[in-house]
Amino acid sequence: MKNNGYMAMTKTPKYKAIIEQNREQITKMLSGADTVKRLNNLNWLRHEISYTEPRTLFYMSTKEQQPYLDYNSMKNLGDAYDYIVGHTNQDIDITEICKIHSMLCTNTHIQGGLFRNAPKIIEIIVNGHRVHAPDAGMILPVMNEIMFKLHNPETDPIRRAFGVHYDLIMLQPFDDFNKRTARLIMNWVLIQNGYRPIVFNQHTDKKKYKDAITAYANGYPKEYFSYMSSCLMRTQKEIITLLQNSRML
């Protein structure tokens, strides 16, 4: 049975234990790291999130890339990432989510920071049918519900991060750039709780990312949470390797 409540979502204990071990190791490595290691760590994450990830997840032919993979959109992703890294103590609310979306839409044809006012169909198949996002009139009430779940202190922060990512994608509050907005908000939650962002930079992520979201929509949240946890764990390992190999010039 499908359940959209964060408290009912399934997590993988094995992944959770490894993620916590990796978090402790990264924190320890960075606590004694020099400026070069810190800078390399930050730049690598920024590059992966703003350049590699969109090309990995949403690659399309050159003719169809605009405005998804052009230089301006890459810059917007980098600027939005810089914002969430620089505002780790900022309360994440509806206004801030709209602000992130507005940053992503800077100098594009999309009106940033405003909720859509027309029905939208999400390209996800649930039990053989395409999923329809809620009517535009339901966006604000659903956003309030999402914020309530996001700030539930009784829920594990990783599950809250993965949960808000899924919920924003399923709501489709904006005309476009919903997935990239959802990923940034997810990473913002992770950063605020002492974790590192997730990057989707493997060639298999394009299919697995969509399959994981589809599985959750079909009532199998465990598959979604397992995949997202594996990606977080993988990113942590890449950061650890990066820091281990970092050298002063």
Protein backbone atom coordinates (compact mmCIF):
# COMPACT_ATOMS: atom_id res chain seq x y z
CA MET A 1 0.00 0.00 0.00
CA LYS A 2 1.32 3.43 -0.93
CA ASN A 3 2.05 5.71 2.00
CA ASN A 4 3.31 9.27 1.60
CA GLY A 5 3.93 9.91 5.32
CA TYR A 6 7.63 10.23 6.11
CA MET A 7 7.24 8.30 9.36
CA ALA A 8 5.99 5.24 7.48
CA MET A 9 8.78 5.24 4.92
CA THR A 10 11.15 2.32 4.95
CA LYS A 11 14.87 2.84 5.43
CA THR A 12 17.69 0.38 4.99
CA PRO A 13 19.52 -0.12 8.32
CA LYS A 14 22.66 -1.30 6.56
CA TYR A 15 22.89 1.83 4.44
CA LYS A 16 22.03 4.01 7.41
CA ALA A 17 24.90 2.58 9.47
CA ILE A 18 27.41 3.05 6.64
CA ILE A 19 26.14 6.57 5.94
CA GLU A 20 26.68 7.51 9.58
CA GLN A 21 30.17 6.00 9.59
CA ASN A 22 31.04 7.91 6.42
CA ARG A 23 29.65 11.11 7.85
CA GLU A 24 31.85 10.78 10.91
CA GLN A 25 34.89 10.04 8.77
CA ILE A 26 34.30 13.04 6.49
CA THR A 27 33.72 15.34 9.45
CA LYS A 28 36.95 14.15 11.04
CA MET A 29 38.89 14.58 7.80
CA LEU A 30 37.57 18.08 7.25
CA SER A 31 38.07 19.15 10.85
CA GLY A 32 41.81 18.91 10.38
CA ALA A 33 41.88 19.74 6.70
CA ASP A 34 43.82 22.61 5.22
CA THR A 35 42.27 25.27 3.01
CA VAL A 36 43.12 23.41 -0.20
CA LYS A 37 41.28 20.27 0.89
CA ARG A 38 38.24 22.26 1.93
CA LEU A 39 38.24 24.20 -1.35
CA ASN A 40 38.67 21.05 -3.44
CA ASN A 41 35.80 19.38 -1.60
CA LEU A 42 33.49 22.35 -2.16
CA ASN A 43 34.43 22.83 -5.81
CA TRP A 44 33.98 19.15 -6.64
CA LEU A 45 30.46 19.08 -5.20
CA ARG A 46 29.53 22.31 -6.93
CA HIS A 47 30.83 21.05 -10.26
CA GLU A 48 29.03 17.72 -10.01
CA ILE A 49 25.70 19.28 -9.01
CA SER A 50 25.75 22.13 -11.53
CA TYR A 51 27.46 20.48 -14.51
CA THR A 52 27.78 16.69 -14.43
CA GLU A 53 24.46 15.84 -12.78
CA PRO A 54 22.09 17.61 -15.21
CA ARG A 55 23.94 16.11 -18.16
CA THR A 56 23.70 12.69 -16.56
CA LEU A 57 20.04 12.81 -15.60
CA PHE A 58 18.53 14.74 -18.47
CA TYR A 59 20.81 14.35 -21.43
CA MET A 60 19.09 15.08 -24.72
CA SER A 61 20.18 15.87 -28.26
CA THR A 62 22.00 19.16 -28.83
CA LYS A 63 19.00 20.60 -30.66
CA GLU A 64 16.76 20.00 -27.65
CA GLN A 65 19.16 20.98 -24.87
CA GLN A 66 18.01 24.59 -24.56
CA PRO A 67 17.20 25.80 -21.94
CA TYR A 68 18.04 22.69 -19.92
CA LEU A 69 21.77 22.24 -20.40
CA ASP A 70 23.04 25.63 -21.56
CA TYR A 71 25.71 27.67 -19.80
CA ASN A 72 23.15 29.93 -18.14
CA SER A 73 21.28 27.02 -16.54
CA MET A 74 24.56 25.54 -15.31
CA LYS A 75 25.46 28.88 -13.76
CA ASN A 76 22.05 29.10 -12.11
CA LEU A 77 22.52 25.67 -10.55
CA GLY A 78 25.91 26.69 -9.22
CA ASP A 79 24.56 29.94 -7.80
CA ALA A 80 21.65 28.15 -6.11
CA TYR A 81 24.06 25.59 -4.64
CA ASP A 82 26.24 28.40 -3.30
CA TYR A 83 23.14 29.87 -1.68
CA ILE A 84 22.15 26.72 0.21
CA VAL A 85 25.74 26.14 1.33
CA GLY A 86 25.92 29.72 2.61
CA HIS A 87 22.59 29.53 4.43
CA THR A 88 22.86 26.39 6.53
CA ASN A 89 20.90 28.00 9.37
CA GLN A 90 18.11 29.35 7.18
CA ASP A 91 14.66 27.92 7.86
CA ILE A 92 13.44 26.11 4.76
CA ASP A 93 9.91 27.26 4.05
CA ILE A 94 7.71 27.87 1.01
CA THR A 95 9.25 31.29 0.42
CA GLU A 96 12.76 29.82 0.36
CA ILE A 97 11.72 27.04 -2.02
CA CYS A 98 10.28 29.65 -4.37
CA LYS A 99 13.51 31.63 -4.04
CA ILE A 100 15.59 28.61 -5.07
CA HIS A 101 13.31 28.04 -8.06
CA SER A 102 13.63 31.69 -9.01
CA MET A 103 17.43 31.40 -8.96
CA LEU A 104 17.25 28.38 -11.25
CA CYS A 105 15.06 30.28 -13.70
CA THR A 106 17.22 33.41 -13.95
CA ASN A 107 17.50 34.54 -17.59
CA THR A 108 15.40 31.63 -18.86
CA HIS A 109 11.96 31.59 -20.48
CA ILE A 110 10.46 30.18 -17.26
CA GLN A 111 8.85 32.52 -14.74
CA GLY A 112 10.68 31.70 -11.56
CA GLY A 113 9.31 31.45 -8.05
CA LEU A 114 5.64 31.38 -9.00
CA PHE A 115 3.35 28.39 -8.72
CA ARG A 116 1.83 27.06 -11.92
CA ASN A 117 -1.75 27.99 -12.66
CA ALA A 118 -2.62 25.19 -15.05
CA PRO A 119 -3.06 21.39 -14.68
CA LYS A 120 0.04 19.30 -15.26
CA ILE A 121 0.71 15.67 -16.09
CA ILE A 122 3.79 14.04 -14.53
CA GLU A 123 5.63 11.60 -16.76
CA ILE A 124 5.39 8.71 -14.30
CA ILE A 125 3.42 5.55 -14.88
CA VAL A 126 1.46 4.23 -11.90
CA ASN A 127 -0.38 0.96 -12.43
CA GLY A 128 -0.37 1.58 -16.15
CA HIS A 129 -1.59 5.17 -15.92
CA ARG A 130 0.19 8.52 -16.13
CA VAL A 131 0.20 10.35 -12.83
CA HIS A 132 -1.55 13.72 -12.69
CA ALA A 133 -0.16 16.33 -10.34
CA PRO A 134 -2.71 18.02 -8.06
CA ASP A 135 -4.77 20.86 -9.53
CA ALA A 136 -3.15 24.28 -9.29
CA GLY A 137 -5.59 25.29 -6.56
CA MET A 138 -4.24 22.51 -4.35
CA ILE A 139 -0.57 23.52 -4.58
CA LEU A 140 -0.48 25.79 -1.53
CA PRO A 141 -2.37 23.38 0.78
CA VAL A 142 -0.13 20.49 -0.31
CA MET A 143 2.97 22.65 0.11
CA ASN A 144 1.88 23.36 3.68
CA GLU A 145 1.56 19.62 4.28
CA ILE A 146 5.03 19.07 2.82
CA MET A 147 6.46 21.73 5.13
CA PHE A 148 4.80 20.11 8.12
CA LYS A 149 6.42 16.75 7.33
CA LEU A 150 9.74 18.39 6.52
CA HIS A 151 9.97 19.98 9.95
CA ASN A 152 8.77 17.01 11.98
CA PRO A 153 11.55 16.58 14.59
CA GLU A 154 10.51 12.99 15.24
CA THR A 155 11.46 11.93 11.71
CA ASP A 156 15.00 10.99 10.72
CA PRO A 157 16.57 13.90 8.77
CA ILE A 158 17.63 11.64 5.90
CA ARG A 159 14.06 10.46 5.46
CA ARG A 160 12.86 14.05 5.64
CA ALA A 161 15.34 15.02 2.92
CA PHE A 162 14.37 12.15 0.64
CA GLY A 163 10.71 12.73 1.44
CA VAL A 164 10.62 16.41 0.48
CA HIS A 165 12.43 15.54 -2.76
CA TYR A 166 9.78 13.00 -3.72
CA ASP A 167 6.85 15.15 -2.59
CA LEU A 168 7.97 18.21 -4.57
CA ILE A 169 8.40 16.12 -7.70
CA MET A 170 4.95 14.61 -7.34
CA LEU A 171 3.35 17.99 -6.66
CA GLN A 172 5.04 19.75 -9.60
CA PRO A 173 4.39 23.19 -8.06
CA PHE A 174 6.17 25.11 -10.83
CA ASP A 175 5.86 25.18 -14.60
CA ASP A 176 9.32 23.61 -15.00
CA PHE A 177 12.57 22.86 -13.18
CA ASN A 178 10.72 20.99 -10.45
CA LYS A 179 13.18 18.09 -10.22
CA ARG A 180 16.26 20.26 -9.94
CA THR A 181 14.50 22.39 -7.34
CA ALA A 182 13.57 19.25 -5.42
CA ARG A 183 17.15 17.96 -5.50
CA LEU A 184 18.53 21.23 -4.20
CA ILE A 185 16.01 21.35 -1.35
CA MET A 186 16.85 17.73 -0.51
CA ASN A 187 20.55 18.58 -0.42
CA TRP A 188 19.85 21.67 1.67
CA VAL A 189 18.15 19.50 4.29
CA LEU A 190 21.08 17.07 4.24
CA ILE A 191 23.62 19.89 4.63
CA GLN A 192 21.69 21.42 7.52
CA ASN A 193 21.79 18.10 9.33
CA GLY A 194 25.51 17.49 8.96
CA TYR A 195 25.48 15.38 5.79
CA ARG A 196 26.94 16.09 2.36
CA PRO A 197 24.83 16.61 -0.76
CA ILE A 198 23.95 13.74 -3.09
CA VAL A 199 25.23 13.90 -6.64
CA PHE A 200 23.79 11.78 -9.44
CA ASN A 201 26.81 11.45 -11.68
CA GLN A 202 26.82 7.82 -12.83
CA HIS A 203 25.62 6.85 -16.31
CA THR A 204 23.12 4.43 -14.78
CA ASP A 205 21.49 7.15 -12.66
CA LYS A 206 19.27 8.47 -15.45
CA LYS A 207 17.21 5.28 -15.52
CA LYS A 208 17.56 4.32 -11.87
CA TYR A 209 16.56 7.78 -10.66
CA LYS A 210 13.32 7.68 -12.63
CA ASP A 211 12.70 4.04 -11.74
CA ALA A 212 13.08 4.81 -8.02
CA ILE A 213 10.56 7.65 -8.15
CA THR A 214 8.19 5.49 -10.19
CA ALA A 215 8.52 2.65 -7.68
CA TYR A 216 7.52 4.95 -4.83
CA ALA A 217 4.57 6.25 -6.85
CA ASN A 218 3.50 2.64 -7.38
CA GLY A 219 3.52 2.00 -3.63
CA TYR A 220 7.06 0.69 -3.11
CA PRO A 221 8.87 3.35 -1.05
CA LYS A 222 11.55 0.89 0.06
CA GLU A 223 13.01 0.78 -3.46
CA TYR A 224 13.10 4.58 -3.61
CA PHE A 225 14.73 4.97 -0.20
CA SER A 226 17.25 2.22 -0.88
CA TYR A 227 18.32 3.85 -4.13
CA MET A 228 18.57 7.33 -2.63
CA SER A 229 20.52 5.95 0.34
CA SER A 230 22.91 4.15 -1.99
CA CYS A 231 23.51 7.40 -3.89
CA LEU A 232 24.22 9.29 -0.67
CA MET A 233 26.61 6.57 0.43
CA ARG A 234 28.31 6.59 -2.99
CA THR A 235 28.76 10.36 -2.90
CA GLN A 236 30.26 10.14 0.58
CA LYS A 237 32.79 7.59 -0.65
CA GLU A 238 33.72 9.85 -3.57
CA ILE A 239 34.27 12.74 -1.14
CA ILE A 240 36.42 10.56 1.12
CA THR A 241 38.53 9.49 -1.85
CA LEU A 242 38.84 13.10 -2.98
CA LEU A 243 40.01 14.23 0.44
CA GLN A 244 42.45 11.33 0.76
CA ASN A 245 43.99 12.21 -2.60
CA SER A 246 44.05 15.96 -2.01
CA ARG A 247 47.57 17.36 -1.95
CA MET A 248 49.18 20.75 -1.50
CA LEU A 249 50.74 22.05 -4.73
